């Protein structure tokens, strides 16, 4: 099944290695590979654009014929998008500087004693707010994951939230020693698969074609390899 639509298609995402990265100005990464394969299978041509998460989210929520990934599927978002298929697996948790041996977390409540950078409109920010963390007390709101990492590196916050498999990429991007960062605590509630989704005002033809294409790609060994939450290249 191929989609032939007159309206232009936009695909938006955020910087989140190893799933979404930039290579010579082009959006790349593990999930991007799956999204491109799905679009090709569906006969859809589109350029992937990278924005801070809050901007990508607002574009996809408000404009027609927009696809977005990687989106956490939450009850609050359920009726705001069409959900097309999973394209990543995450285990999010607290990340800190290795020399901060004073930071010990064995439960979520332990993190209430520390400052944490979180991205605006991100799943982890919303989750912590629901758990009693407060903006301006524990939580520092930023635009994207790169800004969170900069605050951590500069000692402006105690912790950030990221996927364990992303650490090597971010440490390399910031030119930090691998030994300077540690994954402190995996948050059980933030282990999940994330989605390729579409804005509500997206053509039914496109929705059906991409869902059909996702089912075919999901049968491939490469899909299952990338969907392993511990996999990175």
C-alpha atoms as a PDB file:
ATOM      1  CA  UNK A   1       0.000   0.000   0.000  1.00  0.00           C
ATOM      2  CA  UNK A   2       1.393   3.384  -0.971  1.00  0.00           C
ATOM      3  CA  UNK A   3       0.186   6.850   0.009  1.00  0.00           C
ATOM      4  CA  UNK A   4      -0.193   9.466  -2.705  1.00  0.00           C
ATOM      5  CA  UNK A   5      -1.156  12.730  -0.994  1.00  0.00           C
ATOM      6  CA  UNK A   6      -1.303  16.219  -2.404  1.00  0.00           C
ATOM      7  CA  UNK A   7      -0.566  17.899   0.923  1.00  0.00           C
ATOM      8  CA  UNK A   8       3.116  18.183   1.887  1.00  0.00           C
ATOM      9  CA  UNK A   9       4.235  15.896   4.713  1.00  0.00           C
ATOM     10  CA  UNK A  10       6.451  17.111   7.542  1.00  0.00           C
ATOM     11  CA  UNK A  11       8.338  14.829   9.915  1.00  0.00           C
ATOM     12  CA  UNK A  12       9.618  16.385  13.138  1.00  0.00           C
ATOM     13  CA  UNK A  13      11.761  15.074  15.964  1.00  0.00           C
ATOM     14  CA  UNK A  14      14.278  16.152  18.618  1.00  0.00           C
ATOM     15  CA  UNK A  15      17.982  15.530  19.135  1.00  0.00           C
ATOM     16  CA  UNK A  16      18.225  12.369  21.243  1.00  0.00           C
ATOM     17  CA  UNK A  17      21.163  10.082  20.421  1.00  0.00           C
ATOM     18  CA  UNK A  18      21.526   7.304  19.518  1.00  0.00           C
ATOM     19  CA  UNK A  19      17.945   7.338  18.246  1.00  0.00           C
ATOM     20  CA  UNK A  20      17.956  10.786  16.609  1.00  0.00           C
ATOM     21  CA  UNK A  21      21.290  12.355  15.729  1.00  0.00           C
ATOM     22  CA  UNK A  22      22.754  14.764  13.185  1.00  0.00           C
ATOM     23  CA  UNK A  23      25.351  13.564  10.671  1.00  0.00           C
ATOM     24  CA  UNK A  24      26.665  16.229   8.298  1.00  0.00           C
ATOM     25  CA  UNK A  25      23.475  18.213   8.731  1.00  0.00           C
ATOM     26  CA  UNK A  26      21.156  15.263   8.067  1.00  0.00           C
ATOM     27  CA  UNK A  27      18.913  13.720  10.718  1.00  0.00           C
ATOM     28  CA  UNK A  28      20.163  10.206  11.390  1.00  0.00           C
ATOM     29  CA  UNK A  29      20.165   7.634  14.209  1.00  0.00           C
ATOM     30  CA  UNK A  30      18.598   4.282  15.011  1.00  0.00           C
ATOM     31  CA  UNK A  31      14.939   5.333  15.160  1.00  0.00           C
ATOM     32  CA  UNK A  32      15.421   7.597  12.173  1.00  0.00           C
ATOM     33  CA  UNK A  33      16.564   4.545  10.216  1.00  0.00           C
ATOM     34  CA  UNK A  34      13.283   2.819  11.044  1.00  0.00           C
ATOM     35  CA  UNK A  35      11.184   5.890  10.247  1.00  0.00           C
ATOM     36  CA  UNK A  36      12.868   6.302   6.859  1.00  0.00           C
ATOM     37  CA  UNK A  37      12.307   2.626   6.090  1.00  0.00           C
ATOM     38  CA  UNK A  38       8.626   2.940   7.023  1.00  0.00           C
ATOM     39  CA  UNK A  39       8.183   6.052   4.876  1.00  0.00           C
ATOM     40  CA  UNK A  40       9.902   4.379   1.931  1.00  0.00           C
ATOM     41  CA  UNK A  41       7.689   1.310   2.300  1.00  0.00           C
ATOM     42  CA  UNK A  42       4.625   3.577   2.360  1.00  0.00           C
ATOM     43  CA  UNK A  43       5.786   5.540  -0.674  1.00  0.00           C
ATOM     44  CA  UNK A  44       6.019   8.778   1.304  1.00  0.00           C
ATOM     45  CA  UNK A  45       8.690  11.376   0.612  1.00  0.00           C
ATOM     46  CA  UNK A  46       9.474  13.815   3.432  1.00  0.00           C
ATOM     47  CA  UNK A  47      12.365  15.688   4.995  1.00  0.00           C
ATOM     48  CA  UNK A  48      12.936  15.123   8.698  1.00  0.00           C
ATOM     49  CA  UNK A  49      13.307  18.318  10.719  1.00  0.00           C
ATOM     50  CA  UNK A  50      14.928  18.514  14.159  1.00  0.00           C
ATOM     51  CA  UNK A  51      13.694  20.934  16.844  1.00  0.00           C
ATOM     52  CA  UNK A  52      13.684  21.235  20.628  1.00  0.00           C
ATOM     53  CA  UNK A  53      11.057  18.765  21.843  1.00  0.00           C
ATOM     54  CA  UNK A  54       8.452  21.342  22.919  1.00  0.00           C
ATOM     55  CA  UNK A  55       8.496  22.957  19.469  1.00  0.00           C
ATOM     56  CA  UNK A  56       8.312  19.632  17.612  1.00  0.00           C
ATOM     57  CA  UNK A  57       5.443  18.578  19.882  1.00  0.00           C
ATOM     58  CA  UNK A  58       3.507  21.802  19.274  1.00  0.00           C
ATOM     59  CA  UNK A  59       3.988  21.571  15.495  1.00  0.00           C
ATOM     60  CA  UNK A  60       2.656  18.011  15.467  1.00  0.00           C
ATOM     61  CA  UNK A  61      -0.227  18.865  17.770  1.00  0.00           C
ATOM     62  CA  UNK A  62      -1.394  21.901  15.808  1.00  0.00           C
ATOM     63  CA  UNK A  63      -0.630  21.400  12.104  1.00  0.00           C
ATOM     64  CA  UNK A  64      -2.033  18.952   9.524  1.00  0.00           C
ATOM     65  CA  UNK A  65      -0.043  16.150   7.900  1.00  0.00           C
ATOM     66  CA  UNK A  66       2.787  16.142  10.449  1.00  0.00           C
ATOM     67  CA  UNK A  67       4.542  13.013  11.740  1.00  0.00           C
ATOM     68  CA  UNK A  68       6.553  13.035  14.978  1.00  0.00           C
ATOM     69  CA  UNK A  69       8.875  10.597  16.737  1.00  0.00           C
ATOM     70  CA  UNK A  70       9.840   9.414  19.360  1.00  0.00           C
ATOM     71  CA  UNK A  71       6.624  10.069  21.234  1.00  0.00           C
ATOM     72  CA  UNK A  72       5.729   8.520  24.567  1.00  0.00           C
ATOM     73  CA  UNK A  73       2.123   7.293  24.455  1.00  0.00           C
ATOM     74  CA  UNK A  74       0.500   8.655  27.600  1.00  0.00           C
ATOM     75  CA  UNK A  75      -3.173   8.965  28.618  1.00  0.00           C
ATOM     76  CA  UNK A  76      -2.928  12.743  28.287  1.00  0.00           C
ATOM     77  CA  UNK A  77      -1.702  12.470  24.684  1.00  0.00           C
ATOM     78  CA  UNK A  78      -3.868   9.564  23.582  1.00  0.00           C
ATOM     79  CA  UNK A  79      -6.595  11.614  21.892  1.00  0.00           C
ATOM     80  CA  UNK A  80      -4.230  14.278  20.536  1.00  0.00           C
ATOM     81  CA  UNK A  81      -2.489  12.124  17.899  1.00  0.00           C
ATOM     82  CA  UNK A  82      -2.824   9.133  15.617  1.00  0.00           C
ATOM     83  CA  UNK A  83      -0.490   6.382  16.865  1.00  0.00           C
ATOM     84  CA  UNK A  84       1.224   4.654  13.945  1.00  0.00           C
ATOM     85  CA  UNK A  85       3.758   2.246  15.469  1.00  0.00           C
ATOM     86  CA  UNK A  86       6.679   1.917  17.864  1.00  0.00           C
ATOM     87  CA  UNK A  87      10.154   2.911  16.670  1.00  0.00           C
ATOM     88  CA  UNK A  88      12.308   2.976  19.830  1.00  0.00           C
ATOM     89  CA  UNK A  89      12.719   1.502  23.302  1.00  0.00           C
ATOM     90  CA  UNK A  90      13.966   3.513  26.250  1.00  0.00           C
ATOM     91  CA  UNK A  91      14.984   2.944  29.857  1.00  0.00           C
ATOM     92  CA  UNK A  92      15.185   6.445  31.264  1.00  0.00           C
ATOM     93  CA  UNK A  93      16.806   7.240  34.552  1.00  0.00           C
ATOM     94  CA  UNK A  94      18.903   9.710  36.494  1.00  0.00           C
ATOM     95  CA  UNK A  95      22.363  10.569  35.182  1.00  0.00           C
ATOM     96  CA  UNK A  96      25.007  12.377  37.225  1.00  0.00           C
ATOM     97  CA  UNK A  97      28.671  13.263  37.362  1.00  0.00           C
ATOM     98  CA  UNK A  98      30.861  10.431  38.611  1.00  0.00           C
ATOM     99  CA  UNK A  99      32.654  12.540  41.214  1.00  0.00           C
ATOM    100  CA  UNK A 100      29.338  13.330  42.945  1.00  0.00           C
ATOM    101  CA  UNK A 101      29.494  10.363  45.286  1.00  0.00           C
ATOM    102  CA  UNK A 102      27.142  12.204  47.635  1.00  0.00           C
ATOM    103  CA  UNK A 103      24.310  11.394  45.210  1.00  0.00           C
ATOM    104  CA  UNK A 104      22.822   8.026  46.162  1.00  0.00           C
ATOM    105  CA  UNK A 105      19.390   7.070  44.825  1.00  0.00           C
ATOM    106  CA  UNK A 106      17.669   3.793  45.614  1.00  0.00           C
ATOM    107  CA  UNK A 107      14.088   5.033  45.112  1.00  0.00           C
ATOM    108  CA  UNK A 108      12.403   7.927  43.361  1.00  0.00           C
ATOM    109  CA  UNK A 109      11.866   9.761  46.646  1.00  0.00           C
ATOM    110  CA  UNK A 110      15.636   9.968  47.186  1.00  0.00           C
ATOM    111  CA  UNK A 111      15.857  12.273  44.149  1.00  0.00           C
ATOM    112  CA  UNK A 112      13.727  14.904  45.878  1.00  0.00           C
ATOM    113  CA  UNK A 113      16.917  16.073  47.588  1.00  0.00           C
ATOM    114  CA  UNK A 114      18.551  17.084  44.292  1.00  0.00           C
ATOM    115  CA  UNK A 115      18.099  19.480  41.359  1.00  0.00           C
ATOM    116  CA  UNK A 116      17.194  17.892  38.033  1.00  0.00           C
ATOM    117  CA  UNK A 117      17.163  19.373  34.527  1.00  0.00           C
ATOM    118  CA  UNK A 118      14.155  18.277  32.456  1.00  0.00           C
ATOM    119  CA  UNK A 119      12.915  19.204  28.985  1.00  0.00           C
ATOM    120  CA  UNK A 120       9.711  21.204  28.511  1.00  0.00           C
ATOM    121  CA  UNK A 121       6.669  19.041  27.603  1.00  0.00           C
ATOM    122  CA  UNK A 122       8.780  15.891  27.940  1.00  0.00           C
ATOM    123  CA  UNK A 123       7.439  12.669  29.446  1.00  0.00           C
ATOM    124  CA  UNK A 124      10.013  12.659  32.242  1.00  0.00           C
ATOM    125  CA  UNK A 125       9.203  16.247  33.251  1.00  0.00           C
ATOM    126  CA  UNK A 126       5.486  15.521  33.361  1.00  0.00           C
ATOM    127  CA  UNK A 127       6.063  12.304  35.292  1.00  0.00           C
ATOM    128  CA  UNK A 128       8.201  13.966  37.972  1.00  0.00           C
ATOM    129  CA  UNK A 129       5.669  16.776  38.372  1.00  0.00           C
ATOM    130  CA  UNK A 130       3.003  14.150  38.999  1.00  0.00           C
ATOM    131  CA  UNK A 131       5.251  12.544  41.634  1.00  0.00           C
ATOM    132  CA  UNK A 132       5.543  15.739  43.693  1.00  0.00           C
ATOM    133  CA  UNK A 133       8.713  17.261  42.203  1.00  0.00           C
ATOM    134  CA  UNK A 134       8.370  21.025  41.791  1.00  0.00           C
ATOM    135  CA  UNK A 135       9.563  23.535  39.212  1.00  0.00           C
ATOM    136  CA  UNK A 136      12.037  25.922  40.792  1.00  0.00           C
ATOM    137  CA  UNK A 137      12.684  23.527  43.669  1.00  0.00           C
ATOM    138  CA  UNK A 138      13.930  20.226  42.270  1.00  0.00           C
ATOM    139  CA  UNK A 139      13.159  20.766  38.575  1.00  0.00           C
ATOM    140  CA  UNK A 140      14.955  23.094  36.153  1.00  0.00           C
ATOM    141  CA  UNK A 141      13.062  23.405  32.873  1.00  0.00           C
ATOM    142  CA  UNK A 142      15.103  23.539  29.629  1.00  0.00           C
ATOM    143  CA  UNK A 143      14.450  23.414  25.889  1.00  0.00           C
ATOM    144  CA  UNK A 144      16.249  20.197  24.918  1.00  0.00           C
ATOM    145  CA  UNK A 145      18.489  17.369  26.099  1.00  0.00           C
ATOM    146  CA  UNK A 146      21.673  19.154  25.008  1.00  0.00           C
ATOM    147  CA  UNK A 147      20.875  22.012  27.380  1.00  0.00           C
ATOM    148  CA  UNK A 148      20.254  19.525  30.191  1.00  0.00           C
ATOM    149  CA  UNK A 149      23.683  18.002  29.598  1.00  0.00           C
ATOM    150  CA  UNK A 150      25.348  21.422  29.543  1.00  0.00           C
ATOM    151  CA  UNK A 151      23.819  22.255  32.933  1.00  0.00           C
ATOM    152  CA  UNK A 152      25.017  18.944  34.345  1.00  0.00           C
ATOM    153  CA  UNK A 153      28.539  19.374  32.975  1.00  0.00           C
ATOM    154  CA  UNK A 154      28.774  22.872  34.425  1.00  0.00           C
ATOM    155  CA  UNK A 155      27.527  21.790  37.841  1.00  0.00           C
ATOM    156  CA  UNK A 156      24.333  23.857  37.599  1.00  0.00           C
ATOM    157  CA  UNK A 157      22.136  20.832  38.366  1.00  0.00           C
ATOM    158  CA  UNK A 158      22.770  17.591  40.226  1.00  0.00           C
ATOM    159  CA  UNK A 159      21.044  15.238  37.788  1.00  0.00           C
ATOM    160  CA  UNK A 160      19.476  14.921  34.370  1.00  0.00           C
ATOM    161  CA  UNK A 161      17.253  12.235  32.863  1.00  0.00           C
ATOM    162  CA  UNK A 162      18.403  10.244  29.838  1.00  0.00           C
ATOM    163  CA  UNK A 163      18.551   6.756  28.384  1.00  0.00           C
ATOM    164  CA  UNK A 164      21.492   4.645  29.534  1.00  0.00           C
ATOM    165  CA  UNK A 165      22.431   3.798  25.929  1.00  0.00           C
ATOM    166  CA  UNK A 166      22.690   7.512  25.080  1.00  0.00           C
ATOM    167  CA  UNK A 167      25.522   8.258  27.489  1.00  0.00           C
ATOM    168  CA  UNK A 168      28.442   7.419  25.212  1.00  0.00           C
ATOM    169  CA  UNK A 169      27.113   9.609  22.402  1.00  0.00           C
ATOM    170  CA  UNK A 170      26.460  12.591  24.649  1.00  0.00           C
ATOM    171  CA  UNK A 171      29.800  12.303  26.435  1.00  0.00           C
ATOM    172  CA  UNK A 172      31.550  12.244  23.045  1.00  0.00           C
ATOM    173  CA  UNK A 173      29.539  15.235  21.815  1.00  0.00           C
ATOM    174  CA  UNK A 174      30.547  17.238  24.896  1.00  0.00           C
ATOM    175  CA  UNK A 175      34.172  16.020  24.712  1.00  0.00           C
ATOM    176  CA  UNK A 176      34.051  14.585  28.224  1.00  0.00           C
ATOM    177  CA  UNK A 177      35.892  11.518  29.565  1.00  0.00           C
ATOM    178  CA  UNK A 178      33.649   8.439  29.607  1.00  0.00           C
ATOM    179  CA  UNK A 179      34.488   7.990  33.267  1.00  0.00           C
ATOM    180  CA  UNK A 180      33.084  11.415  34.191  1.00  0.00           C
ATOM    181  CA  UNK A 181      29.426  10.338  33.856  1.00  0.00           C
ATOM    182  CA  UNK A 182      27.439   7.603  35.553  1.00  0.00           C
ATOM    183  CA  UNK A 183      23.927   6.246  35.203  1.00  0.00           C
ATOM    184  CA  UNK A 184      22.667   6.647  38.755  1.00  0.00           C
ATOM    185  CA  UNK A 185      19.212   5.075  38.848  1.00  0.00           C
ATOM    186  CA  UNK A 186      16.789   3.560  36.326  1.00  0.00           C
ATOM    187  CA  UNK A 187      13.265   4.868  36.866  1.00  0.00           C
ATOM    188  CA  UNK A 188      10.996   1.799  36.492  1.00  0.00           C
ATOM    189  CA  UNK A 189       7.988   3.821  35.327  1.00  0.00           C
ATOM    190  CA  UNK A 190      10.040   5.359  32.494  1.00  0.00           C
ATOM    191  CA  UNK A 191      10.881   2.111  30.733  1.00  0.00           C
ATOM    192  CA  UNK A 192       8.841   2.082  27.550  1.00  0.00           C
ATOM    193  CA  UNK A 193       8.570   1.819  23.820  1.00  0.00           C
ATOM    194  CA  UNK A 194       7.995   5.089  21.990  1.00  0.00           C
ATOM    195  CA  UNK A 195       6.019   5.863  18.881  1.00  0.00           C
ATOM    196  CA  UNK A 196       5.850   7.385  15.462  1.00  0.00           C
ATOM    197  CA  UNK A 197       2.662   9.443  15.644  1.00  0.00           C
ATOM    198  CA  UNK A 198       0.716  11.803  13.390  1.00  0.00           C
ATOM    199  CA  UNK A 199      -1.222  15.014  13.916  1.00  0.00           C
ATOM    200  CA  UNK A 200      -4.986  14.591  14.110  1.00  0.00           C
ATOM    201  CA  UNK A 201      -5.543  16.501  10.854  1.00  0.00           C
ATOM    202  CA  UNK A 202      -3.499  14.015   8.851  1.00  0.00           C
ATOM    203  CA  UNK A 203      -5.126  12.368   5.832  1.00  0.00           C
ATOM    204  CA  UNK A 204      -6.653   8.924   6.505  1.00  0.00           C
ATOM    205  CA  UNK A 205      -4.879   7.606   3.395  1.00  0.00           C
ATOM    206  CA  UNK A 206      -1.503   8.541   4.855  1.00  0.00           C
ATOM    207  CA  UNK A 207      -2.373   7.114   8.278  1.00  0.00           C
ATOM    208  CA  UNK A 208      -3.405   3.763   6.792  1.00  0.00           C
ATOM    209  CA  UNK A 209      -0.386   3.549   4.483  1.00  0.00           C
ATOM    210  CA  UNK A 210       2.104   4.203   7.294  1.00  0.00           C
ATOM    211  CA  UNK A 211       0.433   1.760   9.672  1.00  0.00           C
ATOM    212  CA  UNK A 212       0.556  -0.889   6.964  1.00  0.00           C
ATOM    213  CA  UNK A 213       4.208  -0.098   6.217  1.00  0.00           C
ATOM    214  CA  UNK A 214       5.110  -0.240   9.915  1.00  0.00           C
ATOM    215  CA  UNK A 215       3.660  -3.749  10.189  1.00  0.00           C
ATOM    216  CA  UNK A 216       5.960  -4.893   7.374  1.00  0.00           C
ATOM    217  CA  UNK A 217       9.081  -3.209   8.771  1.00  0.00           C
ATOM    218  CA  UNK A 218       8.302  -4.588  12.248  1.00  0.00           C
ATOM    219  CA  UNK A 219       8.850  -8.103  10.900  1.00  0.00           C
ATOM    220  CA  UNK A 220      12.472  -7.404   9.998  1.00  0.00           C
ATOM    221  CA  UNK A 221      15.465  -8.488  12.128  1.00  0.00           C
ATOM    222  CA  UNK A 222      16.797  -4.920  12.024  1.00  0.00           C
ATOM    223  CA  UNK A 223      13.610  -3.609  13.640  1.00  0.00           C
ATOM    224  CA  UNK A 224      13.899  -6.082  16.501  1.00  0.00           C
ATOM    225  CA  UNK A 225      17.589  -5.267  16.923  1.00  0.00           C
ATOM    226  CA  UNK A 226      16.929  -1.527  17.194  1.00  0.00           C
ATOM    227  CA  UNK A 227      13.956  -2.052  19.493  1.00  0.00           C
ATOM    228  CA  UNK A 228      16.188  -3.726  22.056  1.00  0.00           C
ATOM    229  CA  UNK A 229      16.446  -1.178  24.885  1.00  0.00           C
ATOM    230  CA  UNK A 230      20.093  -2.142  25.450  1.00  0.00           C
ATOM    231  CA  UNK A 231      21.165  -1.846  21.792  1.00  0.00           C
ATOM    232  CA  UNK A 232      23.456   0.841  20.447  1.00  0.00           C
ATOM    233  CA  UNK A 233      25.934   0.971  17.551  1.00  0.00           C
END
